[in-house]
Amino acid sequence: MLRLATEKRELAVVDDQIGSPTWTVDLALAIKALVEKDCRGIYHAANAGFCSWNEFASAIFAESGLDITVNPMSTKDLGRPAPRPLYSTLDCGKLTRDTGFQPQPWREALKHYLKLRRL
């Protein structure tokens, strides 16, 4: 999205796909917590909360101070050959219950990422 912001002033991003954006640093911390607690099995690890790709793109630009117009579009209008799930959020309750690790909200993770990126 940040690269696209250098090329365009207006973008169309799907608004009907909902997910849990996840910063790799937080994912690594979740994995570390699982290893330290010797957890086995399947766990979901994602930043807390959820949003559409359109909301995520808008947040990236807002937090970066960029004036980019983000227009909504449907997955159908995007026309990708592979189907995409419209709702793919993750419940990290088991991760928190078994390790005590509480993923931060995705918007806070985005702010931290952008701050580190500017260094």
N, C-alpha and C. Protein backbone atom coordinates (compact mmCIF):
# COMPACT_ATOMS: atom_id res chain seq x y z
N MET A 1 0.83 -1.19 0.00
CA MET A 1 0.00 0.00 0.00
C MET A 1 0.87 1.25 0.00
N LEU A 2 1.94 1.24 0.78
CA LEU A 2 2.79 2.43 0.83
C LEU A 2 3.50 2.66 -0.51
N ARG A 3 3.87 1.58 -1.19
CA ARG A 3 4.46 1.73 -2.52
C ARG A 3 3.43 2.30 -3.49
N LEU A 4 2.20 1.78 -3.43
CA LEU A 4 1.15 2.28 -4.31
C LEU A 4 0.87 3.76 -4.06
N ALA A 5 1.04 4.18 -2.82
CA ALA A 5 0.80 5.59 -2.47
C ALA A 5 1.80 6.51 -3.16
N THR A 6 2.96 5.99 -3.54
CA THR A 6 3.94 6.80 -4.27
C THR A 6 3.59 6.90 -5.75
N GLU A 7 2.69 6.01 -6.20
CA GLU A 7 2.34 5.96 -7.62
C GLU A 7 0.96 6.53 -7.94
N LYS A 8 0.05 6.48 -6.95
CA LYS A 8 -1.33 6.87 -7.21
C LYS A 8 -1.88 7.72 -6.07
N ARG A 9 -2.90 8.50 -6.36
CA ARG A 9 -3.58 9.31 -5.34
C ARG A 9 -4.94 8.71 -4.98
N GLU A 10 -5.34 7.68 -5.74
CA GLU A 10 -6.64 7.05 -5.53
C GLU A 10 -6.52 5.56 -5.84
N LEU A 11 -7.09 4.75 -4.96
CA LEU A 11 -7.05 3.30 -5.11
C LEU A 11 -8.43 2.69 -4.86
N ALA A 12 -8.67 1.53 -5.41
CA ALA A 12 -9.86 0.75 -5.09
C ALA A 12 -9.38 -0.51 -4.36
N VAL A 13 -9.97 -0.76 -3.19
CA VAL A 13 -9.58 -1.90 -2.35
C VAL A 13 -10.85 -2.59 -1.88
N VAL A 14 -10.83 -3.93 -1.89
CA VAL A 14 -12.03 -4.68 -1.53
C VAL A 14 -12.49 -4.34 -0.11
N ASP A 15 -13.82 -4.23 0.01
CA ASP A 15 -14.39 -3.91 1.32
C ASP A 15 -15.27 -5.03 1.87
N ASP A 16 -15.29 -6.16 1.15
CA ASP A 16 -16.13 -7.27 1.61
C ASP A 16 -15.32 -8.47 2.10
N GLN A 17 -14.01 -8.33 2.19
CA GLN A 17 -13.15 -9.36 2.77
C GLN A 17 -12.70 -8.87 4.15
N ILE A 18 -13.07 -9.62 5.18
CA ILE A 18 -12.77 -9.24 6.56
C ILE A 18 -11.73 -10.20 7.12
N GLY A 19 -10.70 -9.65 7.77
CA GLY A 19 -9.65 -10.48 8.34
C GLY A 19 -9.02 -9.85 9.56
N SER A 20 -7.99 -10.50 10.05
CA SER A 20 -7.25 -10.04 11.23
C SER A 20 -5.82 -9.70 10.82
N PRO A 21 -5.54 -8.43 10.51
CA PRO A 21 -4.18 -8.07 10.14
C PRO A 21 -3.21 -8.45 11.26
N THR A 22 -2.04 -8.92 10.88
CA THR A 22 -1.08 -9.41 11.87
C THR A 22 0.33 -8.95 11.53
N TRP A 23 0.97 -8.32 12.51
CA TRP A 23 2.36 -7.88 12.37
C TRP A 23 3.26 -9.07 12.67
N THR A 24 4.27 -9.28 11.85
CA THR A 24 5.17 -10.42 12.03
C THR A 24 5.87 -10.41 13.39
N VAL A 25 6.15 -9.24 13.93
CA VAL A 25 6.78 -9.15 15.25
C VAL A 25 5.85 -9.76 16.31
N ASP A 26 4.56 -9.44 16.24
CA ASP A 26 3.60 -10.00 17.20
C ASP A 26 3.42 -11.49 16.98
N LEU A 27 3.47 -11.94 15.75
CA LEU A 27 3.39 -13.36 15.47
C LEU A 27 4.59 -14.09 16.08
N ALA A 28 5.77 -13.51 15.94
CA ALA A 28 6.97 -14.11 16.54
C ALA A 28 6.85 -14.17 18.07
N LEU A 29 6.30 -13.12 18.68
CA LEU A 29 6.11 -13.12 20.14
C LEU A 29 5.11 -14.20 20.56
N ALA A 30 4.09 -14.40 19.75
CA ALA A 30 3.10 -15.46 20.05
C ALA A 30 3.77 -16.83 19.96
N ILE A 31 4.57 -17.05 18.94
CA ILE A 31 5.27 -18.33 18.78
C ILE A 31 6.23 -18.54 19.95
N LYS A 32 6.94 -17.50 20.34
CA LYS A 32 7.85 -17.58 21.48
C LYS A 32 7.09 -17.99 22.74
N ALA A 33 5.94 -17.39 22.97
CA ALA A 33 5.13 -17.72 24.15
C ALA A 33 4.69 -19.19 24.10
N LEU A 34 4.32 -19.68 22.92
CA LEU A 34 3.91 -21.08 22.77
C LEU A 34 5.07 -22.03 23.06
N VAL A 35 6.25 -21.69 22.56
CA VAL A 35 7.44 -22.53 22.79
C VAL A 35 7.81 -22.52 24.27
N GLU A 36 7.80 -21.36 24.88
CA GLU A 36 8.17 -21.25 26.29
C GLU A 36 7.22 -22.03 27.20
N LYS A 37 5.95 -22.13 26.81
CA LYS A 37 4.96 -22.87 27.61
C LYS A 37 4.83 -24.33 27.14
N ASP A 38 5.68 -24.72 26.18
CA ASP A 38 5.68 -26.08 25.64
C ASP A 38 4.30 -26.49 25.14
N CYS A 39 3.63 -25.58 24.47
CA CYS A 39 2.29 -25.85 23.95
C CYS A 39 2.37 -26.71 22.69
N ARG A 40 1.41 -27.57 22.54
CA ARG A 40 1.32 -28.46 21.37
C ARG A 40 -0.06 -28.30 20.76
N GLY A 41 -0.16 -28.57 19.48
CA GLY A 41 -1.44 -28.51 18.82
C GLY A 41 -1.57 -27.31 17.90
N ILE A 42 -2.79 -27.00 17.57
CA ILE A 42 -3.09 -25.91 16.65
C ILE A 42 -3.53 -24.68 17.43
N TYR A 43 -2.89 -23.56 17.12
CA TYR A 43 -3.21 -22.28 17.75
C TYR A 43 -3.37 -21.22 16.68
N HIS A 44 -4.29 -20.31 16.89
CA HIS A 44 -4.40 -19.14 16.04
C HIS A 44 -3.59 -18.02 16.68
N ALA A 45 -2.89 -17.26 15.85
CA ALA A 45 -2.13 -16.12 16.34
C ALA A 45 -2.31 -14.97 15.35
N ALA A 46 -2.94 -13.92 15.81
CA ALA A 46 -3.18 -12.73 14.98
C ALA A 46 -3.34 -11.55 15.92
N ASN A 47 -3.14 -10.37 15.41
CA ASN A 47 -3.42 -9.20 16.22
C ASN A 47 -4.91 -9.14 16.52
N ALA A 48 -5.26 -8.52 17.62
CA ALA A 48 -6.66 -8.45 18.07
C ALA A 48 -7.47 -7.57 17.13
N GLY A 49 -8.74 -7.94 16.99
CA GLY A 49 -9.65 -7.16 16.16
C GLY A 49 -9.66 -7.63 14.72
N PHE A 50 -10.46 -6.95 13.93
CA PHE A 50 -10.58 -7.32 12.53
C PHE A 50 -11.04 -6.09 11.74
N CYS A 51 -10.85 -6.17 10.44
CA CYS A 51 -11.26 -5.08 9.54
C CYS A 51 -11.30 -5.62 8.12
N SER A 52 -11.85 -4.82 7.22
CA SER A 52 -11.81 -5.18 5.80
C SER A 52 -10.46 -4.73 5.24
N TRP A 53 -10.12 -5.25 4.08
CA TRP A 53 -8.89 -4.79 3.42
C TRP A 53 -8.98 -3.29 3.12
N ASN A 54 -10.18 -2.83 2.81
CA ASN A 54 -10.38 -1.42 2.54
C ASN A 54 -10.09 -0.58 3.78
N GLU A 55 -10.62 -1.03 4.93
CA GLU A 55 -10.35 -0.33 6.20
C GLU A 55 -8.87 -0.36 6.54
N PHE A 56 -8.22 -1.50 6.28
CA PHE A 56 -6.80 -1.63 6.57
C PHE A 56 -5.98 -0.65 5.72
N ALA A 57 -6.28 -0.61 4.43
CA ALA A 57 -5.57 0.32 3.54
C ALA A 57 -5.80 1.77 3.99
N SER A 58 -7.02 2.10 4.33
CA SER A 58 -7.32 3.46 4.80
C SER A 58 -6.55 3.78 6.07
N ALA A 59 -6.44 2.82 6.97
CA ALA A 59 -5.69 3.02 8.21
C ALA A 59 -4.20 3.21 7.94
N ILE A 60 -3.67 2.45 7.01
CA ILE A 60 -2.25 2.59 6.65
C ILE A 60 -1.97 4.02 6.18
N PHE A 61 -2.83 4.52 5.31
CA PHE A 61 -2.62 5.87 4.79
C PHE A 61 -2.85 6.93 5.87
N ALA A 62 -3.86 6.75 6.68
CA ALA A 62 -4.15 7.72 7.74
C ALA A 62 -3.00 7.78 8.74
N GLU A 63 -2.52 6.62 9.18
CA GLU A 63 -1.43 6.58 10.16
C GLU A 63 -0.11 7.09 9.57
N SER A 64 0.01 7.02 8.25
CA SER A 64 1.22 7.51 7.58
C SER A 64 1.12 8.97 7.20
N GLY A 65 -0.05 9.57 7.43
CA GLY A 65 -0.24 10.97 7.06
C GLY A 65 -0.35 11.19 5.57
N LEU A 66 -0.78 10.17 4.83
CA LEU A 66 -0.89 10.28 3.38
C LEU A 66 -2.34 10.55 2.97
N ASP A 67 -2.52 11.43 2.04
CA ASP A 67 -3.85 11.79 1.56
C ASP A 67 -4.15 10.98 0.30
N ILE A 68 -4.59 9.74 0.51
CA ILE A 68 -4.92 8.85 -0.58
C ILE A 68 -6.41 8.50 -0.47
N THR A 69 -7.13 8.58 -1.55
CA THR A 69 -8.53 8.19 -1.56
C THR A 69 -8.61 6.68 -1.74
N VAL A 70 -9.32 6.00 -0.83
CA VAL A 70 -9.50 4.55 -0.91
C VAL A 70 -10.97 4.27 -1.19
N ASN A 71 -11.25 3.85 -2.40
CA ASN A 71 -12.62 3.55 -2.81
C ASN A 71 -12.95 2.08 -2.54
N PRO A 72 -14.18 1.79 -2.18
CA PRO A 72 -14.57 0.40 -1.96
C PRO A 72 -14.82 -0.32 -3.29
N MET A 73 -14.53 -1.60 -3.28
CA MET A 73 -14.89 -2.45 -4.41
C MET A 73 -15.19 -3.84 -3.87
N SER A 74 -15.91 -4.63 -4.62
CA SER A 74 -16.25 -5.98 -4.17
C SER A 74 -15.21 -6.99 -4.65
N THR A 75 -15.16 -8.12 -3.98
CA THR A 75 -14.27 -9.20 -4.39
C THR A 75 -14.63 -9.65 -5.80
N LYS A 76 -15.91 -9.70 -6.09
CA LYS A 76 -16.37 -10.10 -7.43
C LYS A 76 -15.81 -9.16 -8.49
N ASP A 77 -15.84 -7.86 -8.20
CA ASP A 77 -15.32 -6.87 -9.16
C ASP A 77 -13.81 -6.96 -9.33
N LEU A 78 -13.12 -7.47 -8.32
CA LEU A 78 -11.67 -7.61 -8.40
C LEU A 78 -11.29 -8.64 -9.46
N GLY A 79 -12.10 -9.70 -9.57
CA GLY A 79 -11.91 -10.67 -10.64
C GLY A 79 -10.69 -11.57 -10.50
N ARG A 80 -10.31 -11.94 -9.31
CA ARG A 80 -9.17 -12.86 -9.11
C ARG A 80 -9.60 -14.28 -9.47
N PRO A 81 -8.68 -15.08 -10.05
CA PRO A 81 -9.05 -16.45 -10.44
C PRO A 81 -9.26 -17.38 -9.23
N ALA A 82 -8.52 -17.19 -8.17
CA ALA A 82 -8.67 -18.04 -6.98
C ALA A 82 -9.69 -17.42 -6.03
N PRO A 83 -10.61 -18.22 -5.51
CA PRO A 83 -11.60 -17.67 -4.56
C PRO A 83 -10.93 -17.24 -3.27
N ARG A 84 -11.47 -16.20 -2.66
CA ARG A 84 -10.97 -15.68 -1.39
C ARG A 84 -12.10 -15.74 -0.37
N PRO A 85 -11.79 -16.11 0.87
CA PRO A 85 -12.85 -16.10 1.89
C PRO A 85 -13.26 -14.67 2.22
N LEU A 86 -14.54 -14.47 2.44
CA LEU A 86 -15.02 -13.13 2.78
C LEU A 86 -14.83 -12.84 4.26
N TYR A 87 -14.77 -13.88 5.08
CA TYR A 87 -14.62 -13.68 6.53
C TYR A 87 -13.56 -14.65 7.04
N SER A 88 -12.39 -14.12 7.36
CA SER A 88 -11.29 -14.99 7.78
C SER A 88 -10.59 -14.45 9.03
N THR A 89 -11.39 -14.08 10.03
CA THR A 89 -10.82 -13.64 11.29
C THR A 89 -10.37 -14.85 12.10
N LEU A 90 -9.53 -14.63 13.07
CA LEU A 90 -9.01 -15.71 13.89
C LEU A 90 -9.35 -15.47 15.36
N ASP A 91 -9.70 -16.53 16.06
CA ASP A 91 -9.96 -16.47 17.50
C ASP A 91 -8.69 -16.93 18.22
N CYS A 92 -8.04 -16.03 18.91
CA CYS A 92 -6.78 -16.32 19.59
C CYS A 92 -6.98 -16.62 21.07
N GLY A 93 -8.20 -16.94 21.47
CA GLY A 93 -8.50 -17.22 22.87
C GLY A 93 -7.69 -18.35 23.45
N LYS A 94 -7.48 -19.42 22.69
CA LYS A 94 -6.69 -20.56 23.17
C LYS A 94 -5.24 -20.13 23.43
N LEU A 95 -4.69 -19.33 22.54
CA LEU A 95 -3.33 -18.81 22.70
C LEU A 95 -3.22 -18.04 24.01
N THR A 96 -4.14 -17.14 24.25
CA THR A 96 -4.11 -16.33 25.48
C THR A 96 -4.33 -17.20 26.71
N ARG A 97 -5.28 -18.11 26.64
CA ARG A 97 -5.58 -18.98 27.77
C ARG A 97 -4.37 -19.84 28.16
N ASP A 98 -3.68 -20.41 27.16
CA ASP A 98 -2.60 -21.35 27.44
C ASP A 98 -1.25 -20.70 27.69
N THR A 99 -1.06 -19.46 27.23
CA THR A 99 0.25 -18.81 27.38
C THR A 99 0.22 -17.50 28.15
N GLY A 100 -0.94 -16.89 28.25
CA GLY A 100 -1.04 -15.57 28.86
C GLY A 100 -0.72 -14.45 27.87
N PHE A 101 -0.30 -14.80 26.66
CA PHE A 101 0.04 -13.80 25.65
C PHE A 101 -1.24 -13.20 25.09
N GLN A 102 -1.34 -11.88 25.14
CA GLN A 102 -2.51 -11.16 24.62
C GLN A 102 -2.06 -10.33 23.43
N PRO A 103 -2.44 -10.72 22.20
CA PRO A 103 -2.04 -9.94 21.03
C PRO A 103 -2.60 -8.52 21.10
N GLN A 104 -1.79 -7.55 20.69
CA GLN A 104 -2.26 -6.17 20.69
C GLN A 104 -3.22 -5.94 19.53
N PRO A 105 -4.05 -4.91 19.62
CA PRO A 105 -4.96 -4.59 18.52
C PRO A 105 -4.18 -4.30 17.23
N TRP A 106 -4.77 -4.69 16.11
CA TRP A 106 -4.08 -4.54 14.83
C TRP A 106 -3.71 -3.09 14.54
N ARG A 107 -4.56 -2.14 14.94
CA ARG A 107 -4.27 -0.73 14.65
C ARG A 107 -3.04 -0.25 15.44
N GLU A 108 -2.89 -0.72 16.69
CA GLU A 108 -1.70 -0.38 17.48
C GLU A 108 -0.45 -1.01 16.86
N ALA A 109 -0.58 -2.25 16.40
CA ALA A 109 0.54 -2.92 15.74
C ALA A 109 0.95 -2.15 14.49
N LEU A 110 -0.02 -1.67 13.74
CA LEU A 110 0.26 -0.87 12.55
C LEU A 110 1.04 0.39 12.91
N LYS A 111 0.61 1.07 13.97
CA LYS A 111 1.31 2.28 14.41
C LYS A 111 2.76 1.97 14.77
N HIS A 112 2.98 0.88 15.51
CA HIS A 112 4.35 0.50 15.89
C HIS A 112 5.19 0.16 14.66
N TYR A 113 4.61 -0.57 13.73
CA TYR A 113 5.32 -0.93 12.51
C TYR A 113 5.73 0.33 11.74
N LEU A 114 4.80 1.24 11.55
CA LEU A 114 5.10 2.44 10.78
C LEU A 114 6.14 3.30 11.46
N LYS A 115 6.10 3.35 12.79
CA LYS A 115 7.10 4.12 13.54
C LYS A 115 8.49 3.52 13.32
N LEU A 116 8.60 2.21 13.42
CA LEU A 116 9.90 1.54 13.19
C LEU A 116 10.36 1.68 11.74
N ARG A 117 9.43 1.65 10.83
CA ARG A 117 9.76 1.78 9.41
C ARG A 117 10.38 3.13 9.09
N ARG A 118 9.97 4.15 9.82
CA ARG A 118 10.49 5.51 9.57
C ARG A 118 11.88 5.73 10.13
N LEU A 119 12.34 4.86 11.02
CA LEU A 119 13.65 5.05 11.65
C LEU A 119 14.77 4.90 10.64
